[in-house]
Every structure is written in structure tokens, then in C-alpha cells.
PDB file of N, CA and C in Angstrom:
ATOM      1  N   MET A   1       6.590 -68.212 -69.971  1.00  0.00           N
ATOM      2  CA  MET A   1       7.031 -69.375 -68.921  1.00  0.00           C
ATOM      3  C   MET A   1       8.119 -69.500 -68.588  1.00  0.00           C
ATOM      4  N   GLU A   2       8.620 -69.545 -67.477  1.00  0.00           N
ATOM      5  CA  GLU A   2       9.775 -69.537 -67.083  1.00  0.00           C
ATOM      6  C   GLU A   2      10.265 -71.161 -67.069  1.00  0.00           C
ATOM      7  N   SER A   3      11.834 -71.240 -67.412  1.00  0.00           N
ATOM      8  CA  SER A   3      12.316 -72.585 -67.894  1.00  0.00           C
ATOM      9  C   SER A   3      12.159 -73.246 -66.404  1.00  0.00           C
ATOM     10  N   ALA A   4      12.040 -73.032 -65.080  1.00  0.00           N
ATOM     11  CA  ALA A   4      11.925 -73.913 -64.096  1.00  0.00           C
ATOM     12  C   ALA A   4      10.341 -74.292 -64.178  1.00  0.00           C
ATOM     13  N   SER A   5       9.539 -73.260 -64.513  1.00  0.00           N
ATOM     14  CA  SER A   5       8.104 -73.947 -64.367  1.00  0.00           C
ATOM     15  C   SER A   5       7.818 -74.994 -65.667  1.00  0.00           C
ATOM     16  N   VAL A   6       8.750 -74.912 -66.451  1.00  0.00           N
ATOM     17  CA  VAL A   6       8.528 -75.981 -67.709  1.00  0.00           C
ATOM     18  C   VAL A   6       8.933 -77.341 -67.372  1.00  0.00           C
ATOM     19  N   VAL A   7      10.197 -77.153 -66.682  1.00  0.00           N
ATOM     20  CA  VAL A   7      10.652 -78.447 -66.080  1.00  0.00           C
ATOM     21  C   VAL A   7       9.784 -79.066 -64.783  1.00  0.00           C
ATOM     22  N   ARG A   8       9.280 -78.196 -64.358  1.00  0.00           N
ATOM     23  CA  ARG A   8       8.740 -79.019 -63.186  1.00  0.00           C
ATOM     24  C   ARG A   8       7.132 -79.766 -63.789  1.00  0.00           C
ATOM     25  N   ALA A   9       6.497 -78.845 -64.617  1.00  0.00           N
ATOM     26  CA  ALA A   9       5.557 -79.457 -65.606  1.00  0.00           C
ATOM     27  C   ALA A   9       5.885 -80.634 -66.015  1.00  0.00           C
ATOM     28  N   LEU A  10       6.925 -80.703 -67.164  1.00  0.00           N
ATOM     29  CA  LEU A  10       7.379 -81.878 -67.806  1.00  0.00           C
ATOM     30  C   LEU A  10       7.752 -83.195 -66.637  1.00  0.00           C
ATOM     31  N   GLY A  11       8.100 -82.785 -65.698  1.00  0.00           N
ATOM     32  CA  GLY A  11       8.782 -83.749 -64.829  1.00  0.00           C
ATOM     33  C   GLY A  11       7.450 -84.241 -64.400  1.00  0.00           C
ATOM     34  N   ALA A  12       6.432 -83.560 -63.782  1.00  0.00           N
ATOM     35  CA  ALA A  12       5.059 -84.072 -63.518  1.00  0.00           C
ATOM     36  C   ALA A  12       4.628 -84.850 -64.352  1.00  0.00           C
ATOM     37  N   LEU A  13       4.855 -84.614 -65.844  1.00  0.00           N
ATOM     38  CA  LEU A  13       4.077 -85.427 -66.743  1.00  0.00           C
ATOM     39  C   LEU A  13       4.905 -86.683 -67.064  1.00  0.00           C
ATOM     40  N   ALA A  14       6.054 -86.795 -66.696  1.00  0.00           N
ATOM     41  CA  ALA A  14       7.158 -87.582 -67.268  1.00  0.00           C
ATOM     42  C   ALA A  14       6.654 -88.925 -66.395  1.00  0.00           C
ATOM     43  N   GLN A  15       5.798 -89.412 -66.051  1.00  0.00           N
ATOM     44  CA  GLN A  15       5.322 -90.384 -65.365  1.00  0.00           C
ATOM     45  C   GLN A  15       3.947 -91.302 -65.715  1.00  0.00           C
ATOM     46  N   GLU A  16       3.745 -92.627 -66.073  1.00  0.00           N
ATOM     47  CA  GLU A  16       2.820 -93.020 -66.752  1.00  0.00           C
ATOM     48  C   GLU A  16       1.498 -92.653 -66.094  1.00  0.00           C
ATOM     49  N   HIS A  17       1.272 -92.752 -64.589  1.00  0.00           N
ATOM     50  CA  HIS A  17      -0.097 -92.565 -63.997  1.00  0.00           C
ATOM     51  C   HIS A  17      -0.636 -91.150 -63.916  1.00  0.00           C
ATOM     52  N   ARG A  18       0.668 -90.122 -63.958  1.00  0.00           N
ATOM     53  CA  ARG A  18       0.316 -88.747 -64.050  1.00  0.00           C
ATOM     54  C   ARG A  18       0.124 -88.317 -65.156  1.00  0.00           C
ATOM     55  N   LEU A  19       0.533 -88.983 -66.399  1.00  0.00           N
ATOM     56  CA  LEU A  19       0.450 -88.352 -67.530  1.00  0.00           C
ATOM     57  C   LEU A  19      -1.199 -88.918 -68.156  1.00  0.00           C
ATOM     58  N   ALA A  20      -1.371 -89.912 -67.710  1.00  0.00           N
ATOM     59  CA  ALA A  20      -3.052 -90.642 -67.933  1.00  0.00           C
ATOM     60  C   ALA A  20      -3.640 -90.059 -66.962  1.00  0.00           C
ATOM     61  N   ALA A  21      -3.684 -89.650 -65.957  1.00  0.00           N
ATOM     62  CA  ALA A  21      -4.268 -88.820 -65.141  1.00  0.00           C
ATOM     63  C   ALA A  21      -4.839 -87.280 -65.803  1.00  0.00           C
ATOM     64  N   PHE A  22      -3.506 -86.608 -66.101  1.00  0.00           N
ATOM     65  CA  PHE A  22      -3.753 -85.364 -66.925  1.00  0.00           C
ATOM     66  C   PHE A  22      -4.556 -85.573 -68.155  1.00  0.00           C
ATOM     67  N   ARG A  23      -4.474 -86.675 -69.002  1.00  0.00           N
ATOM     68  CA  ARG A  23      -4.861 -86.757 -70.161  1.00  0.00           C
ATOM     69  C   ARG A  23      -6.463 -86.882 -69.830  1.00  0.00           C
ATOM     70  N   LEU A  24      -7.004 -87.748 -69.015  1.00  0.00           N
ATOM     71  CA  LEU A  24      -8.378 -87.847 -68.671  1.00  0.00           C
ATOM     72  C   LEU A  24      -9.071 -86.317 -67.798  1.00  0.00           C
ATOM     73  N   LEU A  25      -8.048 -85.850 -67.183  1.00  0.00           N
ATOM     74  CA  LEU A  25      -8.808 -84.543 -66.904  1.00  0.00           C
ATOM     75  C   LEU A  25      -9.121 -83.571 -67.983  1.00  0.00           C
ATOM     76  N   VAL A  26      -7.830 -83.348 -68.960  1.00  0.00           N
ATOM     77  CA  VAL A  26      -8.245 -82.642 -70.220  1.00  0.00           C
ATOM     78  C   VAL A  26      -9.476 -83.064 -70.693  1.00  0.00           C
ATOM     79  N   GLN A  27      -9.672 -84.698 -71.111  1.00  0.00           N
ATOM     80  CA  GLN A  27     -10.914 -84.780 -71.647  1.00  0.00           C
ATOM     81  C   GLN A  27     -12.264 -84.402 -71.085  1.00  0.00           C
ATOM     82  N   ALA A  28     -12.076 -84.699 -69.515  1.00  0.00           N
ATOM     83  CA  ALA A  28     -13.172 -84.439 -68.933  1.00  0.00           C
ATOM     84  C   ALA A  28     -13.641 -82.977 -68.985  1.00  0.00           C
ATOM     85  N   GLY A  29     -12.879 -81.636 -69.137  1.00  0.00           N
ATOM     86  CA  GLY A  29     -13.202 -80.588 -69.250  1.00  0.00           C
ATOM     87  C   GLY A  29     -13.175 -79.843 -68.145  1.00  0.00           C
ATOM     88  N   PRO A  30     -13.772 -78.547 -67.988  1.00  0.00           N
ATOM     89  CA  PRO A  30     -13.554 -77.533 -66.857  1.00  0.00           C
ATOM     90  C   PRO A  30     -14.242 -78.474 -65.704  1.00  0.00           C
ATOM     91  N   ASP A  31     -15.551 -78.921 -65.731  1.00  0.00           N
ATOM     92  CA  ASP A  31     -15.925 -79.811 -64.681  1.00  0.00           C
ATOM     93  C   ASP A  31     -15.205 -80.578 -63.922  1.00  0.00           C
ATOM     94  N   GLY A  32     -14.024 -81.342 -64.223  1.00  0.00           N
ATOM     95  CA  GLY A  32     -13.247 -81.954 -64.162  1.00  0.00           C
ATOM     96  C   GLY A  32     -13.862 -83.696 -63.606  1.00  0.00           C
ATOM     97  N   LEU A  33     -13.098 -84.449 -62.686  1.00  0.00           N
ATOM     98  CA  LEU A  33     -13.872 -85.339 -62.235  1.00  0.00           C
ATOM     99  C   LEU A  33     -13.578 -85.493 -60.649  1.00  0.00           C
ATOM    100  N   ALA A  34     -14.421 -86.704 -60.117  1.00  0.00           N
ATOM    101  CA  ALA A  34     -14.117 -86.782 -58.878  1.00  0.00           C
ATOM    102  C   ALA A  34     -13.136 -87.846 -58.645  1.00  0.00           C
ATOM    103  N   ALA A  35     -12.417 -87.621 -57.390  1.00  0.00           N
ATOM    104  CA  ALA A  35     -11.128 -88.580 -57.048  1.00  0.00           C
ATOM    105  C   ALA A  35     -11.326 -89.875 -57.560  1.00  0.00           C
ATOM    106  N   GLY A  36     -12.648 -90.512 -56.802  1.00  0.00           N
ATOM    107  CA  GLY A  36     -12.818 -91.936 -56.885  1.00  0.00           C
ATOM    108  C   GLY A  36     -13.116 -92.171 -58.386  1.00  0.00           C
ATOM    109  N   THR A  37     -13.705 -91.532 -59.212  1.00  0.00           N
ATOM    110  CA  THR A  37     -13.623 -92.082 -60.694  1.00  0.00           C
ATOM    111  C   THR A  37     -12.373 -91.914 -61.167  1.00  0.00           C
ATOM    112  N   LEU A  38     -11.761 -90.890 -60.945  1.00  0.00           N
ATOM    113  CA  LEU A  38     -10.568 -90.681 -61.788  1.00  0.00           C
ATOM    114  C   LEU A  38      -9.340 -92.047 -61.017  1.00  0.00           C
ATOM    115  N   ALA A  39      -9.408 -92.253 -59.904  1.00  0.00           N
ATOM    116  CA  ALA A  39      -8.772 -93.431 -59.376  1.00  0.00           C
ATOM    117  C   ALA A  39      -9.257 -95.004 -60.112  1.00  0.00           C
ATOM    118  N   GLU A  40     -10.619 -94.762 -60.240  1.00  0.00           N
ATOM    119  CA  GLU A  40     -10.951 -96.293 -60.719  1.00  0.00           C
ATOM    120  C   GLU A  40     -10.875 -95.954 -62.242  1.00  0.00           C
ATOM    121  N   ALA A  41     -10.797 -95.146 -63.108  1.00  0.00           N
ATOM    122  CA  ALA A  41     -10.261 -95.010 -64.350  1.00  0.00           C
ATOM    123  C   ALA A  41      -9.019 -95.583 -64.281  1.00  0.00           C
ATOM    124  N   LEU A  42      -8.015 -95.057 -63.539  1.00  0.00           N
ATOM    125  CA  LEU A  42      -6.513 -95.474 -63.681  1.00  0.00           C
ATOM    126  C   LEU A  42      -6.301 -96.578 -63.055  1.00  0.00           C
ATOM    127  N   ASP A  43      -7.275 -97.372 -62.576  1.00  0.00           N
ATOM    128  CA  ASP A  43      -6.991 -98.540 -61.823  1.00  0.00           C
ATOM    129  C   ASP A  43      -6.026 -98.417 -60.829  1.00  0.00           C
ATOM    130  N   ILE A  44      -5.885 -97.324 -60.258  1.00  0.00           N
ATOM    131  CA  ILE A  44      -4.940 -97.207 -58.656  1.00  0.00           C
ATOM    132  C   ILE A  44      -5.552 -96.954 -57.755  1.00  0.00           C
ATOM    133  N   ALA A  45      -5.031 -97.148 -56.649  1.00  0.00           N
ATOM    134  CA  ALA A  45      -5.731 -96.643 -55.053  1.00  0.00           C
ATOM    135  C   ALA A  45      -5.591 -95.520 -54.726  1.00  0.00           C
ATOM    136  N   PRO A  46      -6.857 -94.978 -54.244  1.00  0.00           N
ATOM    137  CA  PRO A  46      -6.724 -93.826 -53.864  1.00  0.00           C
ATOM    138  C   PRO A  46      -5.706 -92.909 -53.323  1.00  0.00           C
ATOM    139  N   SER A  47      -4.761 -93.589 -52.432  1.00  0.00           N
ATOM    140  CA  SER A  47      -3.858 -93.022 -51.918  1.00  0.00           C
ATOM    141  C   SER A  47      -2.728 -92.745 -52.995  1.00  0.00           C
ATOM    142  N   SER A  48      -2.511 -93.590 -53.845  1.00  0.00           N
ATOM    143  CA  SER A  48      -1.668 -93.341 -55.033  1.00  0.00           C
ATOM    144  C   SER A  48      -2.134 -92.238 -56.057  1.00  0.00           C
ATOM    145  N   LEU A  49      -3.433 -92.417 -55.961  1.00  0.00           N
ATOM    146  CA  LEU A  49      -3.790 -91.152 -56.618  1.00  0.00           C
ATOM    147  C   LEU A  49      -3.495 -89.861 -56.071  1.00  0.00           C
ATOM    148  N   SER A  50      -3.638 -89.614 -55.038  1.00  0.00           N
ATOM    149  CA  SER A  50      -3.335 -88.384 -54.127  1.00  0.00           C
ATOM    150  C   SER A  50      -1.844 -88.060 -54.431  1.00  0.00           C
ATOM    151  N   PHE A  51      -1.179 -88.827 -54.639  1.00  0.00           N
ATOM    152  CA  PHE A  51       0.379 -88.738 -54.422  1.00  0.00           C
ATOM    153  C   PHE A  51       0.410 -88.131 -55.942  1.00  0.00           C
ATOM    154  N   HIS A  52       0.149 -88.729 -56.829  1.00  0.00           N
ATOM    155  CA  HIS A  52       0.239 -88.372 -58.427  1.00  0.00           C
ATOM    156  C   HIS A  52      -0.130 -86.851 -58.641  1.00  0.00           C
ATOM    157  N   ILE A  53      -1.865 -86.632 -58.074  1.00  0.00           N
ATOM    158  CA  ILE A  53      -2.475 -85.576 -57.993  1.00  0.00           C
ATOM    159  C   ILE A  53      -1.549 -84.473 -57.586  1.00  0.00           C
ATOM    160  N   ALA A  54      -0.876 -84.699 -56.368  1.00  0.00           N
ATOM    161  CA  ALA A  54      -0.198 -83.662 -55.584  1.00  0.00           C
ATOM    162  C   ALA A  54       0.894 -83.222 -56.518  1.00  0.00           C
ATOM    163  N   GLN A  55       1.649 -84.177 -57.260  1.00  0.00           N
ATOM    164  CA  GLN A  55       2.803 -83.707 -58.287  1.00  0.00           C
ATOM    165  C   GLN A  55       2.538 -82.870 -59.187  1.00  0.00           C
ATOM    166  N   LEU A  56       1.098 -83.263 -60.038  1.00  0.00           N
ATOM    167  CA  LEU A  56       0.365 -82.204 -61.365  1.00  0.00           C
ATOM    168  C   LEU A  56       0.090 -81.228 -60.650  1.00  0.00           C
ATOM    169  N   ALA A  57      -0.660 -80.855 -59.261  1.00  0.00           N
ATOM    170  CA  ALA A  57      -1.000 -79.564 -58.751  1.00  0.00           C
ATOM    171  C   ALA A  57       0.596 -78.795 -58.543  1.00  0.00           C
ATOM    172  N   ASN A  58       1.258 -79.560 -57.741  1.00  0.00           N
ATOM    173  CA  ASN A  58       2.744 -78.782 -57.675  1.00  0.00           C
ATOM    174  C   ASN A  58       3.374 -78.171 -58.857  1.00  0.00           C
ATOM    175  N   ALA A  59       3.166 -78.640 -59.851  1.00  0.00           N
ATOM    176  CA  ALA A  59       3.399 -78.148 -61.194  1.00  0.00           C
ATOM    177  C   ALA A  59       2.553 -77.058 -62.051  1.00  0.00           C
ATOM    178  N   GLY A  60       1.582 -77.015 -61.320  1.00  0.00           N
ATOM    179  CA  GLY A  60       0.792 -76.029 -61.657  1.00  0.00           C
ATOM    180  C   GLY A  60      -0.405 -76.666 -62.605  1.00  0.00           C
ATOM    181  N   LEU A  61      -0.574 -78.000 -62.987  1.00  0.00           N
ATOM    182  CA  LEU A  61      -1.278 -78.712 -64.225  1.00  0.00           C
ATOM    183  C   LEU A  61      -2.727 -78.685 -63.582  1.00  0.00           C
ATOM    184  N   VAL A  62      -3.057 -78.864 -62.428  1.00  0.00           N
ATOM    185  CA  VAL A  62      -4.333 -79.427 -62.086  1.00  0.00           C
ATOM    186  C   VAL A  62      -4.866 -78.468 -60.974  1.00  0.00           C
ATOM    187  N   SER A  63      -6.055 -78.362 -60.795  1.00  0.00           N
ATOM    188  CA  SER A  63      -6.674 -77.626 -59.427  1.00  0.00           C
ATOM    189  C   SER A  63      -7.570 -78.406 -58.864  1.00  0.00           C
ATOM    190  N   GLN A  64      -7.611 -78.302 -57.873  1.00  0.00           N
ATOM    191  CA  GLN A  64      -8.863 -79.126 -56.809  1.00  0.00           C
ATOM    192  C   GLN A  64      -9.903 -78.574 -56.170  1.00  0.00           C
ATOM    193  N   ARG A  65     -11.004 -78.606 -56.038  1.00  0.00           N
ATOM    194  CA  ARG A  65     -12.010 -78.203 -55.305  1.00  0.00           C
ATOM    195  C   ARG A  65     -13.130 -79.179 -55.001  1.00  0.00           C
ATOM    196  N   ARG A  66     -13.634 -78.868 -53.489  1.00  0.00           N
ATOM    197  CA  ARG A  66     -14.503 -79.842 -52.824  1.00  0.00           C
ATOM    198  C   ARG A  66     -15.899 -79.548 -53.238  1.00  0.00           C
ATOM    199  N   ALA A  67     -16.630 -80.637 -53.554  1.00  0.00           N
ATOM    200  CA  ALA A  67     -18.097 -80.082 -53.982  1.00  0.00           C
ATOM    201  C   ALA A  67     -18.520 -81.554 -53.294  1.00  0.00           C
ATOM    202  N   GLY A  68     -19.361 -80.717 -51.983  1.00  0.00           N
ATOM    203  CA  GLY A  68     -20.165 -81.995 -51.175  1.00  0.00           C
ATOM    204  C   GLY A  68     -18.954 -82.706 -50.379  1.00  0.00           C
ATOM    205  N   ARG A  69     -19.162 -84.013 -50.434  1.00  0.00           N
ATOM    206  CA  ARG A  69     -18.242 -84.912 -49.961  1.00  0.00           C
ATOM    207  C   ARG A  69     -17.263 -85.258 -50.869  1.00  0.00           C
ATOM    208  N   SER A  70     -17.190 -85.065 -51.885  1.00  0.00           N
ATOM    209  CA  SER A  70     -16.068 -85.159 -52.960  1.00  0.00           C
ATOM    210  C   SER A  70     -15.157 -84.272 -53.165  1.00  0.00           C
ATOM    211  N   ILE A  71     -13.880 -84.709 -53.542  1.00  0.00           N
ATOM    212  CA  ILE A  71     -12.881 -83.641 -54.029  1.00  0.00           C
ATOM    213  C   ILE A  71     -13.097 -83.749 -55.931  1.00  0.00           C
ATOM    214  N   LEU A  72     -12.982 -82.736 -56.511  1.00  0.00           N
ATOM    215  CA  LEU A  72     -13.039 -82.599 -57.757  1.00  0.00           C
ATOM    216  C   LEU A  72     -11.830 -82.140 -58.332  1.00  0.00           C
ATOM    217  N   TYR A  73     -10.997 -82.941 -59.226  1.00  0.00           N
ATOM    218  CA  TYR A  73      -9.656 -82.405 -59.820  1.00  0.00           C
ATOM    219  C   TYR A  73     -10.346 -82.260 -61.243  1.00  0.00           C
ATOM    220  N   ALA A  74      -9.503 -80.886 -61.841  1.00  0.00           N
ATOM    221  CA  ALA A  74      -9.712 -80.357 -63.294  1.00  0.00           C
ATOM    222  C   ALA A  74      -8.280 -79.924 -63.811  1.00  0.00           C
ATOM    223  N   ALA A  75      -8.089 -80.042 -65.036  1.00  0.00           N
ATOM    224  CA  ALA A  75      -6.697 -79.819 -65.553  1.00  0.00           C
ATOM    225  C   ALA A  75      -6.731 -78.254 -65.903  1.00  0.00           C
ATOM    226  N   ASP A  76      -5.721 -77.825 -65.692  1.00  0.00           N
ATOM    227  CA  ASP A  76      -5.659 -75.930 -65.853  1.00  0.00           C
ATOM    228  C   ASP A  76      -5.142 -75.955 -67.262  1.00  0.00           C
ATOM    229  N   TYR A  77      -6.150 -75.651 -68.292  1.00  0.00           N
ATOM    230  CA  TYR A  77      -6.138 -75.569 -69.474  1.00  0.00           C
ATOM    231  C   TYR A  77      -5.368 -74.083 -69.901  1.00  0.00           C
ATOM    232  N   ASP A  78      -4.912 -72.996 -69.042  1.00  0.00           N
ATOM    233  CA  ASP A  78      -4.105 -72.127 -69.136  1.00  0.00           C
ATOM    234  C   ASP A  78      -2.664 -72.491 -68.867  1.00  0.00           C
ATOM    235  N   ALA A  79      -2.465 -73.513 -67.935  1.00  0.00           N
ATOM    236  CA  ALA A  79      -1.336 -73.670 -67.782  1.00  0.00           C
ATOM    237  C   ALA A  79      -0.897 -74.767 -68.901  1.00  0.00           C
ATOM    238  N   MET A  80      -1.657 -75.396 -69.408  1.00  0.00           N
ATOM    239  CA  MET A  80      -1.545 -76.546 -70.490  1.00  0.00           C
ATOM    240  C   MET A  80      -1.239 -75.514 -71.491  1.00  0.00           C
ATOM    241  N   ALA A  81      -1.635 -74.435 -71.995  1.00  0.00           N
ATOM    242  CA  ALA A  81      -1.696 -73.675 -73.135  1.00  0.00           C
ATOM    243  C   ALA A  81      -0.219 -73.256 -73.058  1.00  0.00           C
ATOM    244  N   ASP A  82       0.169 -72.612 -71.726  1.00  0.00           N
ATOM    245  CA  ASP A  82       1.248 -71.969 -71.771  1.00  0.00           C
ATOM    246  C   ASP A  82       2.269 -72.888 -71.736  1.00  0.00           C
ATOM    247  N   LEU A  83       2.401 -74.133 -71.616  1.00  0.00           N
ATOM    248  CA  LEU A  83       3.243 -75.233 -71.632  1.00  0.00           C
ATOM    249  C   LEU A  83       3.476 -75.318 -73.181  1.00  0.00           C
ATOM    250  N   MET A  84       2.319 -75.499 -73.674  1.00  0.00           N
ATOM    251  CA  MET A  84       2.366 -75.888 -75.221  1.00  0.00           C
ATOM    252  C   MET A  84       3.058 -74.735 -75.976  1.00  0.00           C
ATOM    253  N   GLY A  85       2.715 -73.655 -75.678  1.00  0.00           N
ATOM    254  CA  GLY A  85       3.091 -72.408 -76.246  1.00  0.00           C
ATOM    255  C   GLY A  85       4.652 -72.345 -76.015  1.00  0.00           C
ATOM    256  N   PHE A  86       5.070 -72.497 -74.944  1.00  0.00           N
ATOM    257  CA  PHE A  86       6.812 -72.629 -74.862  1.00  0.00           C
ATOM    258  C   PHE A  86       7.420 -73.560 -75.352  1.00  0.00           C
ATOM    259  N   LEU A  87       6.712 -74.811 -75.807  1.00  0.00           N
ATOM    260  CA  LEU A  87       7.331 -75.953 -76.262  1.00  0.00           C
ATOM    261  C   LEU A  87       7.528 -75.739 -77.802  1.00  0.00           C
ATOM    262  N   THR A  88       6.432 -74.781 -78.580  1.00  0.00           N
ATOM    263  CA  THR A  88       6.198 -74.542 -79.952  1.00  0.00           C
ATOM    264  C   THR A  88       6.688 -73.290 -80.154  1.00  0.00           C
ATOM    265  N   GLU A  89       7.004 -72.315 -79.317  1.00  0.00           N
ATOM    266  CA  GLU A  89       7.297 -71.019 -79.641  1.00  0.00           C
ATOM    267  C   GLU A  89       8.306 -70.815 -80.581  1.00  0.00           C
ATOM    268  N   ASN A  90       9.580 -71.519 -80.823  1.00  0.00           N
ATOM    269  CA  ASN A  90      10.288 -71.505 -82.065  1.00  0.00           C
ATOM    270  C   ASN A  90      10.041 -72.134 -82.907  1.00  0.00           C
ATOM    271  N   CYS A  91       8.784 -72.982 -83.306  1.00  0.00           N
ATOM    272  CA  CYS A  91       8.492 -73.716 -84.132  1.00  0.00           C
ATOM    273  C   CYS A  91       8.300 -73.215 -85.623  1.00  0.00           C
ATOM    274  N   CYS A  92       8.812 -74.094 -86.707  1.00  0.00           N
ATOM    275  CA  CYS A  92       8.412 -73.219 -88.045  1.00  0.00           C
ATOM    276  C   CYS A  92       9.328 -72.183 -88.282  1.00  0.00           C
ATOM    277  N   GLY A  93      10.230 -71.873 -87.706  1.00  0.00           N
ATOM    278  CA  GLY A  93      11.252 -70.581 -87.856  1.00  0.00           C
ATOM    279  C   GLY A  93      10.184 -69.407 -87.525  1.00  0.00           C
ATOM    280  N   GLY A  94       9.702 -69.444 -86.309  1.00  0.00           N
ATOM    281  CA  GLY A  94       8.868 -68.483 -85.742  1.00  0.00           C
ATOM    282  C   GLY A  94       7.691 -67.708 -86.480  1.00  0.00           C
ATOM    283  N   MET A  95       7.244 -68.748 -87.455  1.00  0.00           N
ATOM    284  CA  MET A  95       6.109 -68.513 -88.292  1.00  0.00           C
ATOM    285  C   MET A  95       4.987 -69.104 -87.472  1.00  0.00           C
ATOM    286  N   PRO A  96       3.688 -68.533 -87.764  1.00  0.00           N
ATOM    287  CA  PRO A  96       2.387 -69.552 -87.008  1.00  0.00           C
ATOM    288  C   PRO A  96       2.473 -70.612 -87.298  1.00  0.00           C
ATOM    289  N   CYS A  97       2.418 -71.716 -86.442  1.00  0.00           N
ATOM    290  CA  CYS A  97       2.613 -73.058 -86.763  1.00  0.00           C
ATOM    291  C   CYS A  97       1.271 -74.010 -86.966  1.00  0.00           C
ATOM    292  N   ALA A  98       1.378 -74.543 -88.031  1.00  0.00           N
ATOM    293  CA  ALA A  98      -0.143 -75.281 -88.514  1.00  0.00           C
ATOM    294  C   ALA A  98       0.685 -76.776 -88.230  1.00  0.00           C
ATOM    295  N   PRO A  99      -0.558 -77.666 -87.544  1.00  0.00           N
ATOM    296  CA  PRO A  99       0.297 -78.968 -87.428  1.00  0.00           C
ATOM    297  C   PRO A  99       0.539 -79.749 -88.698  1.00  0.00           C
ATOM    298  N   ALA A 100       0.136 -79.537 -89.675  1.00  0.00           N
ATOM    299  CA  ALA A 100       0.671 -80.384 -91.029  1.00  0.00           C
ATOM    300  C   ALA A 100       1.777 -79.641 -90.963  1.00  0.00           C
ATOM    301  N   GLN A 101       2.251 -78.570 -90.955  1.00  0.00           N
ATOM    302  CA  GLN A 101       3.855 -77.993 -91.581  1.00  0.00           C
ATOM    303  C   GLN A 101       4.690 -78.543 -90.366  1.00  0.00           C
ATOM    304  N   CYS A 102       4.344 -79.015 -89.468  1.00  0.00           N
ATOM    305  CA  CYS A 102       5.544 -79.386 -88.324  1.00  0.00           C
ATOM    306  C   CYS A 102       5.594 -80.978 -88.371  1.00  0.00           C
ATOM    307  N   LYS A 103       4.554 -81.624 -89.220  1.00  0.00           N
ATOM    308  CA  LYS A 103       5.017 -82.879 -89.282  1.00  0.00           C
ATOM    309  C   LYS A 103       5.586 -83.325 -90.459  1.00  0.00           C
ATOM    310  N   PRO A 104       6.355 -84.431 -90.374  1.00  0.00           N
ATOM    311  CA  PRO A 104       7.515 -84.679 -91.595  1.00  0.00           C
ATOM    312  C   PRO A 104       6.253 -85.310 -92.623  1.00  0.00           C
ATOM    313  N   ALA A 105       6.441 -85.164 -93.574  1.00  0.00           N
ATOM    314  CA  ALA A 105       5.522 -85.613 -94.875  1.00  0.00           C
ATOM    315  C   ALA A 105       5.724 -87.147 -94.770  1.00  0.00           C
ATOM    316  N   LYS A 106       4.874 -88.083 -94.941  1.00  0.00           N
ATOM    317  CA  LYS A 106       4.882 -89.401 -94.999  1.00  0.00           C
ATOM    318  C   LYS A 106       5.327 -89.742 -96.536  1.00  0.00           C
ATOM    319  N   PRO A 107       5.977 -90.513 -96.939  1.00  0.00           N
ATOM    320  CA  PRO A 107       6.012 -90.895 -98.155  1.00  0.00           C
ATOM    321  C   PRO A 107       4.642 -91.506 -98.990  1.00  0.00           C
ATOM    322  N   SER A 108       4.239 -91.293 -99.923  1.00  0.00           N
ATOM    323  CA  SER A 108       3.525 -91.963-100.611  1.00  0.00           C
ATOM    324  C   SER A 108       3.597 -93.135-101.298  1.00  0.00           C
ATOM    325  N   GLU A 109       2.421 -94.193-101.491  1.00  0.00           N
ATOM    326  CA  GLU A 109       3.127 -95.234-102.017  1.00  0.00           C
ATOM    327  C   GLU A 109       4.054 -95.430-103.172  1.00  0.00           C
ATOM    328  N   LYS A 110       3.699 -94.383-104.185  1.00  0.00           N
ATOM    329  CA  LYS A 110       4.431 -94.226-105.279  1.00  0.00           C
ATOM    330  C   LYS A 110       5.998 -93.946-104.931  1.00  0.00           C
ATOM    331  N   ASP A 111       6.077 -93.248-103.826  1.00  0.00           N
ATOM    332  CA  ASP A 111       7.403 -92.940-103.319  1.00  0.00           C
ATOM    333  C   ASP A 111       8.149 -93.952-102.876  1.00  0.00           C
ATOM    334  N   VAL A 112       7.585 -95.089-102.353  1.00  0.00           N
ATOM    335  CA  VAL A 112       8.288 -96.271-101.672  1.00  0.00           C
ATOM    336  C   VAL A 112       8.627 -97.357-102.513  1.00  0.00           C
ATOM    337  N   ALA A 113       7.600 -97.256-103.566  1.00  0.00           N
ATOM    338  CA  ALA A 113       7.831 -98.305-104.783  1.00  0.00           C
ATOM    339  C   ALA A 113       9.094 -98.206-105.417  1.00  0.00           C
TER     340      ALA A 113
END
């Protein structure tokens, strides 16, 4: 993934409604969500949703398709995986990364006492 694409994706996600929309679409799976359902879940006007989805689509993070009278939006899982891969590429000194290896250890109760 090129740096310009990463910056565009991170910029699109760096807004409260867009981040929430993307997370909902990730949860929804490949079938996605109808525009009205997504706007209602986010408690925003459909016109605002259109603006935010356009930013996510421009960054390559979501796709849209028409199903009858509805527009369905879905997360692009390949783009999400590419972004995560770019962000973690050098994690753990180049070794395969396990989530537990990347988090600082929490002090135990006896360490705190």
C-alpha cells in the first residue's frame, strides 16, 4: 500500500461519524447496510451520511451498490486488511505479530502493592 493511500484512508477515518459508519459496516459483513439503516443507526441526516460515505469511498474503504430502491454500503475488507498490514508491517521487529506481544503487559496486583 502506498503512503498516499494510507494517508487518504486514515484521513477519512479521522472523523467521528465516518469512523462510526465504517465500524458499523465492518460489523454488518459483506452484505452491508442500506443507507437509511446506516443513517438511522448513526443518528445523522441522510445528506450528511452521503457526504461521509463519499469520503470513505474516495479513500477506497467502502463500496456501494443498488438493490432495488435502496443503496447498500459495505466495508471493503481487502482495503481494511491492506491498511492494517501497512500499519503493522514493522511491528514486533519484523516477526509475525500476535496481539498479546504488541500490548504492554499490565502490572499484576502484587506488582502494584
